Amino acid sequence: MQNRLQLHFDCTHEMQVEHATGKVIIEFLKYAGYPELQWQRTARTVNGSRQVELLAYSFHLYRSISHKPVAAQISLLGLLALCCTEPEVRKAIFATFSVTLLGDNFQYIDRLVEYINKIQGDYMKSAHAASFGAALDITPLIPALLHVRHVFETHELGDAEASEPVTTAMLVAARKLQNKLLSICGRDLTISTTHNECWHTGIPVDCSRGDYHIRRPPECIWKVARGAVAVKGRSRREQWRDFATRMVQEHFFPY
């Protein structure tokens, strides 16, 4: 799992980076930016095998640096649904975890549910709740209404709201961030520095020292997975397989 997600970053260029802030940027891209991009691509390509990998990776993140035990359990339940069902059922799950309303712009089913909830929530807050148009939002006609909304938004705005497009504002913000990082790091990342200049307090810190849970989170992820150190905020060490077994046997299926 770890090797597959990091495949595109295992190159000689990374080994030549000596700039402390440059190393932090690469670690961010490797452990956060790239997986996030893969989550979006997985939905749009309906790639079931990649979703299994991403859920497994998220499981380790939630147990370690994020310290979200409930989210870790949700990821584990997702893995059970995808990997522990009959082969024919698994094929159906792999083919339907992402859906489309217009034949393109595939999205996760939970994202579609959120979109429906938003539409119906707007209806509940509307001053025109008695109108026929608003009443459609909470009837079996919601699929037809979703289709109409998608077509209208695509025609008027260029993209449907649920498609989560890359907007001009996003591109402008990305360029501003790029310019800021360039001003901090310069163009030569082989120049050796000791302090991370992107620390959240605004004061550069030496990430090679101090609490690795905070300053070098990638180290924490796999140490926690192996059971070598305790989960963030806990004193108990538990290897990931032991944690998964305990959740399944003691909490998920008590009957």
C-alpha atoms as a PDB file:
ATOM      1  CA  MET A   1       0.000   0.000   0.000  1.00  0.00           C
ATOM      2  CA  GLN A   2       2.662   2.483   1.053  1.00  0.00           C
ATOM      3  CA  ASN A   3       4.839   1.701  -1.967  1.00  0.00           C
ATOM      4  CA  ARG A   4       1.966   1.886  -4.463  1.00  0.00           C
ATOM      5  CA  LEU A   5       0.790   5.344  -3.424  1.00  0.00           C
ATOM      6  CA  GLN A   6       4.321   6.724  -3.320  1.00  0.00           C
ATOM      7  CA  LEU A   7       5.406   5.159  -6.602  1.00  0.00           C
ATOM      8  CA  HIS A   8       5.493   8.423  -8.530  1.00  0.00           C
ATOM      9  CA  PHE A   9       7.664  10.123  -5.906  1.00  0.00           C
ATOM     10  CA  ASP A  10      10.438   7.516  -5.675  1.00  0.00           C
ATOM     11  CA  CYS A  11      12.983   9.268  -7.891  1.00  0.00           C
ATOM     12  CA  THR A  12      16.528  10.586  -7.773  1.00  0.00           C
ATOM     13  CA  HIS A  13      15.311  14.196  -7.734  1.00  0.00           C
ATOM     14  CA  GLU A  14      13.861  13.838  -4.253  1.00  0.00           C
ATOM     15  CA  MET A  15      17.151  12.473  -2.912  1.00  0.00           C
ATOM     16  CA  GLN A  16      18.946  15.611  -4.105  1.00  0.00           C
ATOM     17  CA  VAL A  17      16.711  17.994  -2.102  1.00  0.00           C
ATOM     18  CA  GLU A  18      18.605  19.453   0.862  1.00  0.00           C
ATOM     19  CA  HIS A  19      16.404  22.502   1.467  1.00  0.00           C
ATOM     20  CA  ALA A  20      14.395  21.938   4.679  1.00  0.00           C
ATOM     21  CA  THR A  21      11.267  23.708   3.428  1.00  0.00           C
ATOM     22  CA  GLY A  22      11.579  21.925   0.087  1.00  0.00           C
ATOM     23  CA  LYS A  23      11.598  18.588   1.914  1.00  0.00           C
ATOM     24  CA  VAL A  24       8.422  19.558   3.763  1.00  0.00           C
ATOM     25  CA  ILE A  25       6.694  20.489   0.493  1.00  0.00           C
ATOM     26  CA  ILE A  26       7.658  17.134  -1.036  1.00  0.00           C
ATOM     27  CA  GLU A  27       6.427  15.258   2.026  1.00  0.00           C
ATOM     28  CA  PHE A  28       3.124  17.116   1.807  1.00  0.00           C
ATOM     29  CA  LEU A  29       2.718  16.232  -1.858  1.00  0.00           C
ATOM     30  CA  LYS A  30       3.638  12.606  -1.176  1.00  0.00           C
ATOM     31  CA  TYR A  31       1.425  11.965   1.845  1.00  0.00           C
ATOM     32  CA  ALA A  32      -1.464  14.406   1.307  1.00  0.00           C
ATOM     33  CA  GLY A  33      -1.571  16.077  -2.104  1.00  0.00           C
ATOM     34  CA  TYR A  34      -1.087  12.970  -4.234  1.00  0.00           C
ATOM     35  CA  PRO A  35      -3.580  10.804  -2.261  1.00  0.00           C
ATOM     36  CA  GLU A  36      -6.140  13.611  -2.441  1.00  0.00           C
ATOM     37  CA  LEU A  37      -5.748  13.750  -6.212  1.00  0.00           C
ATOM     38  CA  GLN A  38      -6.149   9.982  -6.364  1.00  0.00           C
ATOM     39  CA  TRP A  39      -9.404  10.165  -4.395  1.00  0.00           C
ATOM     40  CA  GLN A  40     -10.848  12.458  -7.068  1.00  0.00           C
ATOM     41  CA  ARG A  41      -9.530  10.383  -9.963  1.00  0.00           C
ATOM     42  CA  THR A  42     -10.824   7.182  -8.373  1.00  0.00           C
ATOM     43  CA  ALA A  43     -14.364   8.563  -8.294  1.00  0.00           C
ATOM     44  CA  ARG A  44     -14.200   9.824 -11.865  1.00  0.00           C
ATOM     45  CA  THR A  45     -12.776   6.564 -13.238  1.00  0.00           C
ATOM     46  CA  VAL A  46     -14.789   4.235 -10.927  1.00  0.00           C
ATOM     47  CA  ASN A  47     -11.572   2.464  -9.948  1.00  0.00           C
ATOM     48  CA  GLY A  48     -12.521   0.004  -7.210  1.00  0.00           C
ATOM     49  CA  SER A  49      -9.062  -1.453  -6.604  1.00  0.00           C
ATOM     50  CA  ARG A  50      -7.573   2.019  -6.104  1.00  0.00           C
ATOM     51  CA  GLN A  51     -10.341   2.888  -3.661  1.00  0.00           C
ATOM     52  CA  VAL A  52      -9.331  -0.118  -1.549  1.00  0.00           C
ATOM     53  CA  GLU A  53      -5.760   1.215  -1.433  1.00  0.00           C
ATOM     54  CA  LEU A  54      -6.917   4.711  -0.493  1.00  0.00           C
ATOM     55  CA  LEU A  55      -9.202   3.432   2.267  1.00  0.00           C
ATOM     56  CA  ALA A  56      -6.314   1.398   3.693  1.00  0.00           C
ATOM     57  CA  TYR A  57      -4.045   4.453   3.581  1.00  0.00           C
ATOM     58  CA  SER A  58      -6.716   6.610   5.221  1.00  0.00           C
ATOM     59  CA  PHE A  59      -7.121   3.985   7.928  1.00  0.00           C
ATOM     60  CA  HIS A  60      -3.453   4.404   8.872  1.00  0.00           C
ATOM     61  CA  LEU A  61      -3.639   8.212   8.751  1.00  0.00           C
ATOM     62  CA  TYR A  62      -6.713   8.348  10.970  1.00  0.00           C
ATOM     63  CA  ARG A  63      -5.074   6.062  13.536  1.00  0.00           C
ATOM     64  CA  SER A  64      -1.834   8.022  13.702  1.00  0.00           C
ATOM     65  CA  ILE A  65      -1.300  11.703  12.957  1.00  0.00           C
ATOM     66  CA  SER A  66      -4.988  12.609  12.591  1.00  0.00           C
ATOM     67  CA  HIS A  67      -6.138  10.768  15.731  1.00  0.00           C
ATOM     68  CA  LYS A  68      -9.664  10.178  14.459  1.00  0.00           C
ATOM     69  CA  PRO A  69     -10.589   6.738  15.818  1.00  0.00           C
ATOM     70  CA  VAL A  70     -14.172   6.925  14.532  1.00  0.00           C
ATOM     71  CA  ALA A  71     -12.963   7.795  11.021  1.00  0.00           C
ATOM     72  CA  ALA A  72     -10.509   4.882  11.244  1.00  0.00           C
ATOM     73  CA  GLN A  73     -13.414   2.568  12.029  1.00  0.00           C
ATOM     74  CA  ILE A  74     -15.412   3.963   9.099  1.00  0.00           C
ATOM     75  CA  SER A  75     -12.465   3.292   6.782  1.00  0.00           C
ATOM     76  CA  LEU A  76     -12.245  -0.233   8.149  1.00  0.00           C
ATOM     77  CA  LEU A  77     -15.960  -0.781   7.517  1.00  0.00           C
ATOM     78  CA  GLY A  78     -15.457   0.427   3.967  1.00  0.00           C
ATOM     79  CA  LEU A  79     -12.659  -2.092   3.488  1.00  0.00           C
ATOM     80  CA  LEU A  80     -14.880  -4.858   4.851  1.00  0.00           C
ATOM     81  CA  ALA A  81     -17.629  -3.925   2.402  1.00  0.00           C
ATOM     82  CA  LEU A  82     -15.237  -3.893  -0.534  1.00  0.00           C
ATOM     83  CA  CYS A  83     -13.035  -6.870   0.297  1.00  0.00           C
ATOM     84  CA  CYS A  84     -15.071  -9.300   2.392  1.00  0.00           C
ATOM     85  CA  THR A  85     -18.134  -9.866   0.215  1.00  0.00           C
ATOM     86  CA  GLU A  86     -18.939 -12.541  -2.339  1.00  0.00           C
ATOM     87  CA  PRO A  87     -17.004 -12.070  -5.605  1.00  0.00           C
ATOM     88  CA  GLU A  88     -20.119 -11.279  -7.632  1.00  0.00           C
ATOM     89  CA  VAL A  89     -21.347  -8.803  -5.020  1.00  0.00           C
ATOM     90  CA  ARG A  90     -17.897  -7.233  -4.933  1.00  0.00           C
ATOM     91  CA  LYS A  91     -18.059  -6.625  -8.671  1.00  0.00           C
ATOM     92  CA  ALA A  92     -21.361  -4.784  -8.206  1.00  0.00           C
ATOM     93  CA  ILE A  93     -19.939  -2.657  -5.385  1.00  0.00           C
ATOM     94  CA  PHE A  94     -16.840  -1.794  -7.416  1.00  0.00           C
ATOM     95  CA  ALA A  95     -19.051  -0.705 -10.319  1.00  0.00           C
ATOM     96  CA  THR A  96     -21.513   1.428  -8.336  1.00  0.00           C
ATOM     97  CA  PHE A  97     -19.631   3.290  -5.575  1.00  0.00           C
ATOM     98  CA  SER A  98     -19.402   6.219  -8.002  1.00  0.00           C
ATOM     99  CA  VAL A  99     -22.309   7.434 -10.133  1.00  0.00           C
ATOM    100  CA  THR A 100     -23.116  10.065 -12.756  1.00  0.00           C
ATOM    101  CA  LEU A 101     -26.285  11.954 -13.580  1.00  0.00           C
ATOM    102  CA  LEU A 102     -25.351  13.180 -17.050  1.00  0.00           C
ATOM    103  CA  GLY A 103     -23.036  10.469 -18.359  1.00  0.00           C
ATOM    104  CA  ASP A 104     -19.893  12.257 -17.178  1.00  0.00           C
ATOM    105  CA  ASN A 105     -18.514  13.868 -13.997  1.00  0.00           C
ATOM    106  CA  PHE A 106     -18.708  10.716 -11.885  1.00  0.00           C
ATOM    107  CA  GLN A 107     -18.952  11.351  -8.146  1.00  0.00           C
ATOM    108  CA  TYR A 108     -19.054   9.260  -4.989  1.00  0.00           C
ATOM    109  CA  ILE A 109     -22.527   8.230  -3.867  1.00  0.00           C
ATOM    110  CA  ASP A 110     -22.131   9.975  -0.501  1.00  0.00           C
ATOM    111  CA  ARG A 111     -21.290  13.193  -2.393  1.00  0.00           C
ATOM    112  CA  LEU A 112     -24.522  12.808  -4.353  1.00  0.00           C
ATOM    113  CA  VAL A 113     -26.446  12.255  -1.113  1.00  0.00           C
ATOM    114  CA  GLU A 114     -24.945  15.460   0.298  1.00  0.00           C
ATOM    115  CA  TYR A 115     -26.066  17.299  -2.835  1.00  0.00           C
ATOM    116  CA  ILE A 116     -29.620  15.963  -2.407  1.00  0.00           C
ATOM    117  CA  ASN A 117     -29.588  16.952   1.276  1.00  0.00           C
ATOM    118  CA  LYS A 118     -28.520  20.453   0.275  1.00  0.00           C
ATOM    119  CA  ILE A 119     -31.398  20.762  -2.168  1.00  0.00           C
ATOM    120  CA  GLN A 120     -33.934  19.510   0.372  1.00  0.00           C
ATOM    121  CA  GLY A 121     -32.386  21.619   3.117  1.00  0.00           C
ATOM    122  CA  ASP A 122     -32.841  24.728   0.996  1.00  0.00           C
ATOM    123  CA  TYR A 123     -36.475  23.707   0.581  1.00  0.00           C
ATOM    124  CA  MET A 124     -36.989  23.389   4.335  1.00  0.00           C
ATOM    125  CA  LYS A 125     -35.625  26.922   4.840  1.00  0.00           C
ATOM    126  CA  SER A 126     -37.506  28.433   1.926  1.00  0.00           C
ATOM    127  CA  ALA A 127     -40.244  30.992   2.455  1.00  0.00           C
ATOM    128  CA  HIS A 128     -42.014  29.467  -0.529  1.00  0.00           C
ATOM    129  CA  ALA A 129     -42.302  25.961   0.892  1.00  0.00           C
ATOM    130  CA  ALA A 130     -45.889  25.674  -0.291  1.00  0.00           C
ATOM    131  CA  SER A 131     -44.972  26.266  -3.910  1.00  0.00           C
ATOM    132  CA  PHE A 132     -45.206  23.403  -6.346  1.00  0.00           C
ATOM    133  CA  GLY A 133     -41.589  23.788  -7.482  1.00  0.00           C
ATOM    134  CA  ALA A 134     -40.184  23.523  -3.964  1.00  0.00           C
ATOM    135  CA  ALA A 135     -42.473  20.617  -3.157  1.00  0.00           C
ATOM    136  CA  LEU A 136     -40.746  18.564  -5.870  1.00  0.00           C
ATOM    137  CA  ASP A 137     -37.601  18.496  -3.738  1.00  0.00           C
ATOM    138  CA  ILE A 138     -39.051  15.960  -1.297  1.00  0.00           C
ATOM    139  CA  THR A 139     -40.932  13.678  -3.687  1.00  0.00           C
ATOM    140  CA  PRO A 140     -39.893  10.680  -5.811  1.00  0.00           C
ATOM    141  CA  LEU A 141     -39.311  13.226  -8.598  1.00  0.00           C
ATOM    142  CA  ILE A 142     -35.953  14.188  -7.052  1.00  0.00           C
ATOM    143  CA  PRO A 143     -33.927  12.147  -9.660  1.00  0.00           C
ATOM    144  CA  ALA A 144     -35.558  14.097 -12.505  1.00  0.00           C
ATOM    145  CA  LEU A 145     -34.998  17.353 -10.647  1.00  0.00           C
ATOM    146  CA  LEU A 146     -31.319  16.514 -10.123  1.00  0.00           C
ATOM    147  CA  HIS A 147     -30.942  15.900 -13.843  1.00  0.00           C
ATOM    148  CA  VAL A 148     -32.581  19.231 -14.704  1.00  0.00           C
ATOM    149  CA  ARG A 149     -30.421  21.103 -12.192  1.00  0.00           C
ATOM    150  CA  HIS A 150     -27.240  19.523 -13.535  1.00  0.00           C
ATOM    151  CA  VAL A 151     -28.095  20.368 -17.125  1.00  0.00           C
ATOM    152  CA  PHE A 152     -29.047  23.938 -16.224  1.00  0.00           C
ATOM    153  CA  GLU A 153     -25.910  24.568 -14.123  1.00  0.00           C
ATOM    154  CA  THR A 154     -23.680  23.072 -16.812  1.00  0.00           C
ATOM    155  CA  HIS A 155     -25.279  25.293 -19.460  1.00  0.00           C
ATOM    156  CA  GLU A 156     -25.298  28.496 -17.403  1.00  0.00           C
ATOM    157  CA  LEU A 157     -22.104  28.120 -15.352  1.00  0.00           C
ATOM    158  CA  GLY A 158     -19.989  25.758 -17.415  1.00  0.00           C
ATOM    159  CA  ASP A 159     -20.002  23.059 -14.720  1.00  0.00           C
ATOM    160  CA  ALA A 160     -22.547  21.502 -12.408  1.00  0.00           C
ATOM    161  CA  GLU A 161     -22.112  22.292  -8.715  1.00  0.00           C
ATOM    162  CA  ALA A 162     -21.733  18.625  -7.806  1.00  0.00           C
ATOM    163  CA  SER A 163     -18.886  18.112 -10.300  1.00  0.00           C
ATOM    164  CA  GLU A 164     -16.517  20.188  -8.118  1.00  0.00           C
ATOM    165  CA  PRO A 165     -14.755  21.901 -11.040  1.00  0.00           C
ATOM    166  CA  VAL A 166     -11.406  23.687 -10.893  1.00  0.00           C
ATOM    167  CA  THR A 167     -12.447  27.327 -11.037  1.00  0.00           C
ATOM    168  CA  THR A 168     -10.533  30.422 -12.078  1.00  0.00           C
ATOM    169  CA  ALA A 169     -10.394  31.515  -8.436  1.00  0.00           C
ATOM    170  CA  MET A 170      -8.710  28.222  -7.529  1.00  0.00           C
ATOM    171  CA  LEU A 171      -6.112  28.680 -10.254  1.00  0.00           C
ATOM    172  CA  VAL A 172      -5.380  32.240  -9.076  1.00  0.00           C
ATOM    173  CA  ALA A 173      -4.977  31.021  -5.488  1.00  0.00           C
ATOM    174  CA  ALA A 174      -2.678  28.211  -6.648  1.00  0.00           C
ATOM    175  CA  ARG A 175      -0.477  30.669  -8.541  1.00  0.00           C
ATOM    176  CA  LYS A 176      -0.248  32.946  -5.490  1.00  0.00           C
ATOM    177  CA  LEU A 177       0.791  29.985  -3.351  1.00  0.00           C
ATOM    178  CA  GLN A 178       3.320  28.944  -5.982  1.00  0.00           C
ATOM    179  CA  ASN A 179       4.835  32.443  -6.022  1.00  0.00           C
ATOM    180  CA  LYS A 180       5.014  32.490  -2.214  1.00  0.00           C
ATOM    181  CA  LEU A 181       6.787  29.127  -2.043  1.00  0.00           C
ATOM    182  CA  LEU A 182       9.187  30.254  -4.776  1.00  0.00           C
ATOM    183  CA  SER A 183      10.060  33.349  -2.767  1.00  0.00           C
ATOM    184  CA  ILE A 184      10.760  31.165   0.285  1.00  0.00           C
ATOM    185  CA  CYS A 185      12.675  28.313  -1.332  1.00  0.00           C
ATOM    186  CA  GLY A 186      14.164  29.857  -4.435  1.00  0.00           C
ATOM    187  CA  ARG A 187      14.840  27.701  -7.494  1.00  0.00           C
ATOM    188  CA  ASP A 188      17.684  25.573  -6.146  1.00  0.00           C
ATOM    189  CA  LEU A 189      16.513  23.011  -3.588  1.00  0.00           C
ATOM    190  CA  THR A 190      19.948  21.396  -3.390  1.00  0.00           C
ATOM    191  CA  ILE A 191      21.087  24.259  -1.142  1.00  0.00           C
ATOM    192  CA  SER A 192      21.162  22.881   2.402  1.00  0.00           C
ATOM    193  CA  THR A 193      19.044  24.588   5.077  1.00  0.00           C
ATOM    194  CA  THR A 194      17.983  23.426   8.546  1.00  0.00           C
ATOM    195  CA  HIS A 195      14.663  25.136   9.278  1.00  0.00           C
ATOM    196  CA  ASN A 196      11.165  24.738   7.847  1.00  0.00           C
ATOM    197  CA  GLU A 197      10.031  28.242   6.927  1.00  0.00           C
ATOM    198  CA  CYS A 198       6.394  27.188   6.402  1.00  0.00           C
ATOM    199  CA  TRP A 199       5.757  26.382  10.068  1.00  0.00           C
ATOM    200  CA  HIS A 200       2.236  27.350  11.100  1.00  0.00           C
ATOM    201  CA  THR A 201       3.373  29.905  13.725  1.00  0.00           C
ATOM    202  CA  GLY A 202       5.318  31.874  11.115  1.00  0.00           C
ATOM    203  CA  ILE A 203       8.569  31.176  12.970  1.00  0.00           C
ATOM    204  CA  PRO A 204      10.912  28.711  11.193  1.00  0.00           C
ATOM    205  CA  VAL A 205      11.676  25.525  13.151  1.00  0.00           C
ATOM    206  CA  ASP A 206      14.205  22.735  12.851  1.00  0.00           C
ATOM    207  CA  CYS A 207      12.102  19.697  11.896  1.00  0.00           C
ATOM    208  CA  SER A 208      15.000  17.307  12.439  1.00  0.00           C
ATOM    209  CA  ARG A 209      14.584  17.880  16.185  1.00  0.00           C
ATOM    210  CA  GLY A 210      11.663  17.898  18.564  1.00  0.00           C
ATOM    211  CA  ASP A 211       8.514  15.776  18.688  1.00  0.00           C
ATOM    212  CA  TYR A 212       8.355  13.727  15.497  1.00  0.00           C
ATOM    213  CA  HIS A 213       4.577  13.308  15.915  1.00  0.00           C
ATOM    214  CA  ILE A 214       4.272  16.987  15.042  1.00  0.00           C
ATOM    215  CA  ARG A 215       7.415  17.911  13.127  1.00  0.00           C
ATOM    216  CA  ARG A 216       7.892  14.700  11.091  1.00  0.00           C
ATOM    217  CA  PRO A 217       4.407  13.163  10.789  1.00  0.00           C
ATOM    218  CA  PRO A 218       5.316  10.635   8.028  1.00  0.00           C
ATOM    219  CA  GLU A 219       7.531   8.845  10.575  1.00  0.00           C
ATOM    220  CA  CYS A 220       4.580   8.557  12.935  1.00  0.00           C
ATOM    221  CA  ILE A 221       2.253   6.938  10.387  1.00  0.00           C
ATOM    222  CA  TRP A 222       4.185   3.720   9.892  1.00  0.00           C
ATOM    223  CA  LYS A 223       5.522   3.479  13.458  1.00  0.00           C
ATOM    224  CA  VAL A 224       1.949   3.505  14.722  1.00  0.00           C
ATOM    225  CA  ALA A 225       0.946   0.969  12.061  1.00  0.00           C
ATOM    226  CA  ARG A 226       3.700  -1.398  13.245  1.00  0.00           C
ATOM    227  CA  GLY A 227       2.766  -0.884  16.886  1.00  0.00           C
ATOM    228  CA  ALA A 228       6.187   0.588  17.640  1.00  0.00           C
ATOM    229  CA  VAL A 229       4.701   3.731  19.217  1.00  0.00           C
ATOM    230  CA  ALA A 230       1.368   4.716  20.692  1.00  0.00           C
ATOM    231  CA  VAL A 231      -1.321   6.432  18.677  1.00  0.00           C
ATOM    232  CA  LYS A 232      -1.390  10.221  19.014  1.00  0.00           C
ATOM    233  CA  GLY A 233      -3.133  11.155  22.262  1.00  0.00           C
ATOM    234  CA  ARG A 234      -3.018   7.572  23.590  1.00  0.00           C
ATOM    235  CA  SER A 235      -0.607   5.558  25.709  1.00  0.00           C
ATOM    236  CA  ARG A 236      -1.478   2.125  24.282  1.00  0.00           C
ATOM    237  CA  ARG A 237       0.582   0.630  21.460  1.00  0.00           C
ATOM    238  CA  GLU A 238      -1.357  -1.550  19.044  1.00  0.00           C
ATOM    239  CA  GLN A 239      -0.329  -2.974  15.694  1.00  0.00           C
ATOM    240  CA  TRP A 240      -2.822  -2.163  12.945  1.00  0.00           C
ATOM    241  CA  ARG A 241      -3.863  -5.786  12.451  1.00  0.00           C
ATOM    242  CA  ASP A 242      -4.600  -6.186  16.176  1.00  0.00           C
ATOM    243  CA  PHE A 243      -6.656  -2.988  16.128  1.00  0.00           C
ATOM    244  CA  ALA A 244      -8.650  -4.153  13.098  1.00  0.00           C
ATOM    245  CA  THR A 245      -9.278  -7.571  14.657  1.00  0.00           C
ATOM    246  CA  ARG A 246     -10.440  -6.010  17.921  1.00  0.00           C
ATOM    247  CA  MET A 247     -12.815  -3.653  16.120  1.00  0.00           C
ATOM    248  CA  VAL A 248     -14.352  -6.448  14.047  1.00  0.00           C
ATOM    249  CA  GLN A 249     -14.730  -8.931  16.898  1.00  0.00           C
ATOM    250  CA  GLU A 250     -15.714  -6.623  19.751  1.00  0.00           C
ATOM    251  CA  HIS A 251     -17.487  -3.647  18.184  1.00  0.00           C
ATOM    252  CA  PHE A 252     -18.725  -4.155  14.623  1.00  0.00           C
ATOM    253  CA  PHE A 253     -20.619  -7.432  14.911  1.00  0.00           C
ATOM    254  CA  PRO A 254     -21.446  -8.044  18.593  1.00  0.00           C
ATOM    255  CA  TYR A 255     -24.229 -10.464  17.730  1.00  0.00           C
END
